[in-house]
Amino acid sequence: MKKLITICAVVTMMLTANGFVYGAYLYTDSFEASWVGDYAAGWEDVAYRHGDASTSVMTQYSSVTVNNNTIAAFAGEYFTGLKVTNAGTPESSTNWWGAIASNYLNENAMAKEYSPWISVAFYDTGLTTSAAQLATVPTSDDDWTDTQIGERVNRPDHYWYVEAASGSGWLETTVARTTGWHTLKQAMNTAGYISYYIDDILVGSSTKTYDSLTGLYLMTQFNPGEFADSEVYFDGFQASSIPEPATIAVLSLGGLLLRRKK
């Protein structure tokens, strides 16, 4: 019995050390730590795939007034603004964007068997010159496919989502835009389908299955020539996963044995 207890404890520690106890995996960033330079720790600019890249920078705020609305943090004391400082020269005149990606995210935890999810809060300022979006590039057999959810430039009525692999283009949700903080979420089930949520309201699902929910972007879409006014605001980023049944069984057995030993 002592040997079995030791094995379970070692397995638990090994899984934890290697990031595979995904029931306990929760990566959060409310942008509370101050930073020097253009990016918070763990975040970096994303290069554009088609044409010369736009350049985005991050700014930390405790409050800011935009469109006659004073914005306070969604979580904690601070939040971040994402602003395009260089528009670049994208090939498409209708899809100009800047984005940042997290290099702290444990992508192993985002495999479909762990039911991963990613969410972030954004502030809807009521403006239509820029649009906040949560995007991922989930792994699949295709060279590239991305999914996005959030605002769209020049779309004042509702929020939208898109799955590039579907070929259907952007899809309008029934959730009306309102000024204030809102939460965007992409969640993958064990079959590999992605569900899209706004404020915990299910608004759509992917038509294609994927292997993992990776390639995280926080994005701002903007109008050509108006990138100077393209700042959007994010807070309360989270990424997590649920362990598959085998891991739950191992950890539960280890816990039971340890309690019995006591």
Protein backbone atom coordinates (compact mmCIF):
# COMPACT_ATOMS: atom_id res chain seq x y z
CA MET A 1 0.00 0.00 0.00
CA LYS A 2 2.84 2.37 0.83
CA LYS A 3 4.37 1.70 -2.58
CA LEU A 4 1.05 2.45 -4.34
CA ILE A 5 0.66 5.68 -2.37
CA THR A 6 4.17 6.71 -3.44
CA ILE A 7 3.46 5.89 -7.10
CA CYS A 8 0.22 7.93 -7.11
CA ALA A 9 1.93 10.84 -5.39
CA VAL A 10 4.82 10.76 -7.88
CA VAL A 11 2.43 10.54 -10.85
CA THR A 12 0.51 13.51 -9.47
CA MET A 13 3.68 15.54 -9.01
CA MET A 14 4.97 14.57 -12.47
CA LEU A 15 1.70 15.53 -14.13
CA THR A 16 1.65 18.81 -12.25
CA ALA A 17 5.28 19.58 -13.04
CA ASN A 18 4.72 18.96 -16.74
CA GLY A 19 1.51 20.92 -16.94
CA PHE A 20 -0.73 17.91 -17.47
CA VAL A 21 -3.01 18.26 -14.46
CA TYR A 22 -5.33 20.43 -16.43
CA GLY A 23 -8.12 20.43 -13.90
CA ALA A 24 -5.82 22.76 -11.94
CA TYR A 25 -4.67 24.60 -15.05
CA LEU A 26 -5.91 28.17 -15.12
CA TYR A 27 -3.89 30.91 -16.75
CA THR A 28 -5.18 34.39 -16.00
CA ASP A 29 -4.02 37.91 -16.70
CA SER A 30 -5.87 40.99 -15.47
CA PHE A 31 -2.93 43.20 -16.48
CA GLU A 32 -2.29 44.23 -12.89
CA ALA A 33 1.51 44.14 -13.05
CA SER A 34 3.06 47.27 -14.52
CA TRP A 35 5.36 46.94 -17.50
CA VAL A 36 7.98 48.92 -19.37
CA GLY A 37 7.79 49.12 -23.14
CA ASP A 38 5.02 48.26 -25.55
CA TYR A 39 3.89 44.88 -24.20
CA ALA A 40 2.94 43.40 -20.85
CA ALA A 41 4.95 40.40 -19.67
CA GLY A 42 3.86 37.32 -21.60
CA TRP A 43 2.42 39.24 -24.55
CA GLU A 44 3.88 40.10 -27.95
CA ASP A 45 2.89 41.65 -31.27
CA VAL A 46 1.47 39.37 -33.98
CA ALA A 47 2.71 39.57 -37.56
CA TYR A 48 0.13 39.92 -40.32
CA ARG A 49 -0.16 36.99 -42.72
CA HIS A 50 -1.13 38.97 -45.83
CA GLY A 51 0.91 42.07 -46.55
CA ASP A 52 3.09 44.19 -44.29
CA ALA A 53 2.24 43.84 -40.63
CA SER A 54 0.38 46.36 -38.56
CA THR A 55 1.98 47.23 -35.22
CA SER A 56 0.00 47.13 -31.99
CA VAL A 57 1.08 48.32 -28.55
CA MET A 58 -0.38 47.85 -25.07
CA THR A 59 -1.05 50.52 -22.46
CA GLN A 60 -2.01 50.03 -18.83
CA TYR A 61 -4.96 52.06 -17.52
CA SER A 62 -6.71 52.47 -14.19
CA SER A 63 -9.38 54.53 -15.97
CA VAL A 64 -9.81 56.27 -19.31
CA THR A 65 -12.60 58.32 -20.87
CA VAL A 66 -13.71 57.34 -24.36
CA ASN A 67 -16.82 58.50 -26.22
CA ASN A 68 -17.97 60.28 -23.04
CA ASN A 69 -17.75 57.03 -21.05
CA THR A 70 -15.30 56.65 -18.17
CA ILE A 71 -13.92 53.12 -18.24
CA ALA A 72 -12.87 51.43 -14.99
CA ALA A 73 -11.30 47.99 -14.77
CA PHE A 74 -13.39 44.87 -15.23
CA ALA A 75 -11.17 42.85 -12.87
CA GLY A 76 -8.65 44.26 -10.40
CA GLU A 77 -7.41 47.83 -10.54
CA TYR A 78 -6.02 47.99 -14.08
CA PHE A 79 -6.85 46.98 -17.63
CA THR A 80 -5.06 47.24 -20.96
CA GLY A 81 -5.63 49.18 -24.12
CA LEU A 82 -4.53 47.76 -27.46
CA LYS A 83 -3.70 50.44 -29.99
CA VAL A 84 -2.41 50.28 -33.56
CA THR A 85 0.51 52.64 -34.09
CA ASN A 86 1.37 51.53 -37.63
CA ALA A 87 -1.34 50.38 -40.01
CA GLY A 88 0.96 48.39 -42.29
CA THR A 89 -0.19 47.55 -45.82
CA PRO A 90 -2.51 44.54 -45.70
CA GLU A 91 -3.57 43.10 -49.04
CA SER A 92 -7.25 43.30 -48.09
CA SER A 93 -8.81 46.74 -47.68
CA THR A 94 -11.63 45.27 -45.59
CA ASN A 95 -9.70 43.32 -42.95
CA TRP A 96 -7.15 45.56 -41.37
CA TRP A 97 -6.20 44.48 -37.87
CA GLY A 98 -3.56 44.47 -35.19
CA ALA A 99 -3.15 41.79 -32.57
CA ILE A 100 -1.16 40.51 -29.62
CA ALA A 101 -0.56 36.92 -28.55
CA SER A 102 0.29 35.31 -25.22
CA ASN A 103 3.53 33.35 -25.09
CA TYR A 104 2.85 32.18 -21.52
CA LEU A 105 -0.12 30.00 -22.44
CA ASN A 106 0.47 26.26 -21.98
CA GLU A 107 -0.69 25.00 -25.37
CA ASN A 108 -0.53 21.36 -24.21
CA ALA A 109 -3.45 22.15 -21.93
CA MET A 110 -5.52 23.36 -24.87
CA ALA A 111 -5.88 19.90 -26.48
CA LYS A 112 -9.47 18.93 -27.24
CA GLU A 113 -9.50 16.00 -24.81
CA TYR A 114 -9.27 18.51 -21.95
CA SER A 115 -12.29 20.60 -23.01
CA PRO A 116 -10.24 23.83 -23.16
CA TRP A 117 -11.67 27.31 -23.14
CA ILE A 118 -10.39 30.86 -23.54
CA SER A 119 -12.16 34.05 -22.51
CA VAL A 120 -11.55 37.76 -22.18
CA ALA A 121 -13.54 40.83 -21.22
CA PHE A 122 -13.65 43.79 -23.60
CA TYR A 123 -15.19 47.23 -23.29
CA ASP A 124 -17.69 48.26 -25.95
CA THR A 125 -17.19 52.02 -26.32
CA GLY A 126 -20.07 52.41 -28.76
CA LEU A 127 -17.65 53.48 -31.51
CA THR A 128 -17.48 51.69 -34.85
CA THR A 129 -14.06 52.80 -36.08
CA SER A 130 -12.41 49.93 -34.20
CA ALA A 131 -13.53 46.50 -33.04
CA ALA A 132 -12.32 44.26 -30.21
CA GLN A 133 -12.12 40.55 -31.00
CA LEU A 134 -10.99 37.30 -29.39
CA ALA A 135 -9.36 35.06 -32.00
CA THR A 136 -7.73 31.65 -32.03
CA VAL A 137 -5.98 29.59 -34.69
CA PRO A 138 -7.03 26.09 -33.61
CA THR A 139 -4.78 23.29 -34.83
CA SER A 140 -6.13 21.15 -37.63
CA ASP A 141 -5.03 19.42 -40.83
CA ASP A 142 -5.36 22.72 -42.70
CA ASP A 143 -2.41 25.05 -43.07
CA TRP A 144 -4.33 27.91 -41.50
CA THR A 145 -7.80 28.45 -40.14
CA ASP A 146 -8.87 30.99 -37.57
CA THR A 147 -11.97 31.76 -35.54
CA GLN A 148 -12.98 35.16 -34.21
CA ILE A 149 -15.73 36.59 -32.05
CA GLY A 150 -16.53 40.12 -30.96
CA GLU A 151 -17.24 43.48 -32.55
CA ARG A 152 -16.99 44.40 -36.22
CA VAL A 153 -16.03 47.72 -37.72
CA ASN A 154 -19.06 49.75 -38.87
CA ARG A 155 -21.49 47.22 -37.35
CA PRO A 156 -23.30 49.08 -34.54
CA ASP A 157 -26.18 46.65 -33.96
CA HIS A 158 -24.91 43.21 -32.91
CA TYR A 159 -21.80 41.15 -32.19
CA TRP A 160 -20.41 38.72 -34.76
CA TYR A 161 -18.31 35.57 -35.08
CA VAL A 162 -16.54 33.80 -37.93
CA GLU A 163 -14.88 30.46 -38.61
CA ALA A 164 -12.55 30.80 -41.58
CA ALA A 165 -12.73 27.10 -42.45
CA SER A 166 -16.52 27.19 -42.94
CA GLY A 167 -16.39 29.55 -45.91
CA SER A 168 -19.59 31.21 -44.69
CA GLY A 169 -18.01 34.51 -43.73
CA TRP A 170 -18.98 36.54 -40.68
CA LEU A 171 -22.18 35.52 -38.91
CA GLU A 172 -24.30 38.02 -36.99
CA THR A 173 -25.41 37.03 -33.50
CA THR A 174 -28.65 37.98 -31.80
CA VAL A 175 -26.77 39.71 -28.96
CA ALA A 176 -27.15 43.47 -29.31
CA ARG A 177 -24.19 45.76 -28.77
CA THR A 178 -24.34 47.77 -25.57
CA THR A 179 -21.81 50.12 -24.02
CA GLY A 180 -19.80 48.56 -21.20
CA TRP A 181 -17.81 45.44 -20.36
CA HIS A 182 -18.68 42.17 -22.08
CA THR A 183 -17.08 38.72 -22.06
CA LEU A 184 -16.05 36.77 -25.16
CA LYS A 185 -15.41 33.05 -24.95
CA GLN A 186 -14.40 30.16 -27.18
CA ALA A 187 -14.81 26.68 -25.71
CA MET A 188 -13.83 23.38 -27.34
CA ASN A 189 -15.49 20.06 -26.51
CA THR A 190 -13.78 16.67 -26.62
CA ALA A 191 -14.99 16.09 -30.18
CA GLY A 192 -13.11 19.21 -31.29
CA TYR A 193 -16.03 21.53 -31.99
CA ILE A 194 -15.77 25.15 -30.81
CA SER A 195 -18.69 26.96 -29.19
CA TYR A 196 -18.83 30.75 -29.17
CA TYR A 197 -20.22 32.73 -26.23
CA ILE A 198 -20.93 36.38 -25.50
CA ASP A 199 -21.69 37.14 -21.86
CA ASP A 200 -22.18 33.38 -21.33
CA ILE A 201 -24.82 33.31 -24.08
CA LEU A 202 -24.18 30.59 -26.67
CA VAL A 203 -24.26 32.31 -30.07
CA GLY A 204 -22.86 29.66 -32.42
CA SER A 205 -20.65 26.63 -32.99
CA SER A 206 -17.95 25.68 -35.46
CA THR A 207 -18.79 23.46 -38.42
CA LYS A 208 -15.36 21.85 -38.36
CA THR A 209 -13.53 19.87 -35.68
CA TYR A 210 -10.06 20.80 -34.47
CA ASP A 211 -7.31 19.19 -32.40
CA SER A 212 -6.62 21.98 -29.93
CA LEU A 213 -7.60 25.55 -29.09
CA THR A 214 -4.34 27.37 -29.72
CA GLY A 215 -2.97 30.43 -31.47
CA LEU A 216 -4.61 32.94 -29.13
CA TYR A 217 -4.96 36.54 -30.33
CA LEU A 218 -6.46 39.63 -28.73
CA MET A 219 -7.30 41.75 -31.75
CA THR A 220 -8.42 45.15 -32.90
CA GLN A 221 -9.96 45.48 -36.34
CA PHE A 222 -9.89 48.99 -37.75
CA ASN A 223 -10.77 51.09 -40.77
CA PRO A 224 -7.97 51.98 -43.19
CA GLY A 225 -6.83 55.52 -42.50
CA GLU A 226 -8.37 55.53 -39.02
CA PHE A 227 -5.88 53.37 -37.18
CA ALA A 228 -4.97 56.29 -34.91
CA ASP A 229 -8.41 55.89 -33.32
CA SER A 230 -8.33 52.11 -33.16
CA GLU A 231 -7.65 51.53 -29.47
CA VAL A 232 -9.73 48.80 -27.82
CA TYR A 233 -9.75 47.66 -24.19
CA PHE A 234 -9.33 44.21 -22.63
CA ASP A 235 -9.28 42.80 -19.11
CA GLY A 236 -9.72 39.56 -17.20
CA PHE A 237 -8.12 37.16 -19.69
CA GLN A 238 -8.48 33.48 -18.77
CA ALA A 239 -7.56 30.12 -20.29
CA SER A 240 -8.30 26.78 -18.67
CA SER A 241 -9.17 23.14 -19.26
CA ILE A 242 -10.92 20.22 -17.63
CA PRO A 243 -9.01 16.96 -17.12
CA GLU A 244 -10.02 13.89 -19.06
CA PRO A 245 -11.62 11.06 -16.96
CA ALA A 246 -8.38 9.04 -16.76
CA THR A 247 -6.55 11.92 -15.08
CA ILE A 248 -9.44 12.52 -12.71
CA ALA A 249 -9.37 8.82 -11.76
CA VAL A 250 -5.62 8.85 -11.07
CA LEU A 251 -5.78 11.99 -8.98
CA SER A 252 -8.89 10.85 -7.10
CA LEU A 253 -7.29 7.48 -6.32
CA GLY A 254 -4.16 9.19 -5.09
CA GLY A 255 -6.19 11.48 -2.86
CA LEU A 256 -8.23 8.60 -1.41
CA LEU A 257 -5.14 6.55 -0.64
CA LEU A 258 -3.43 9.47 1.04
CA ARG A 259 -6.49 10.14 3.19
CA ARG A 260 -6.71 6.47 4.17
CA LYS A 261 -3.04 6.45 5.15
CA LYS A 262 -3.70 9.34 7.51
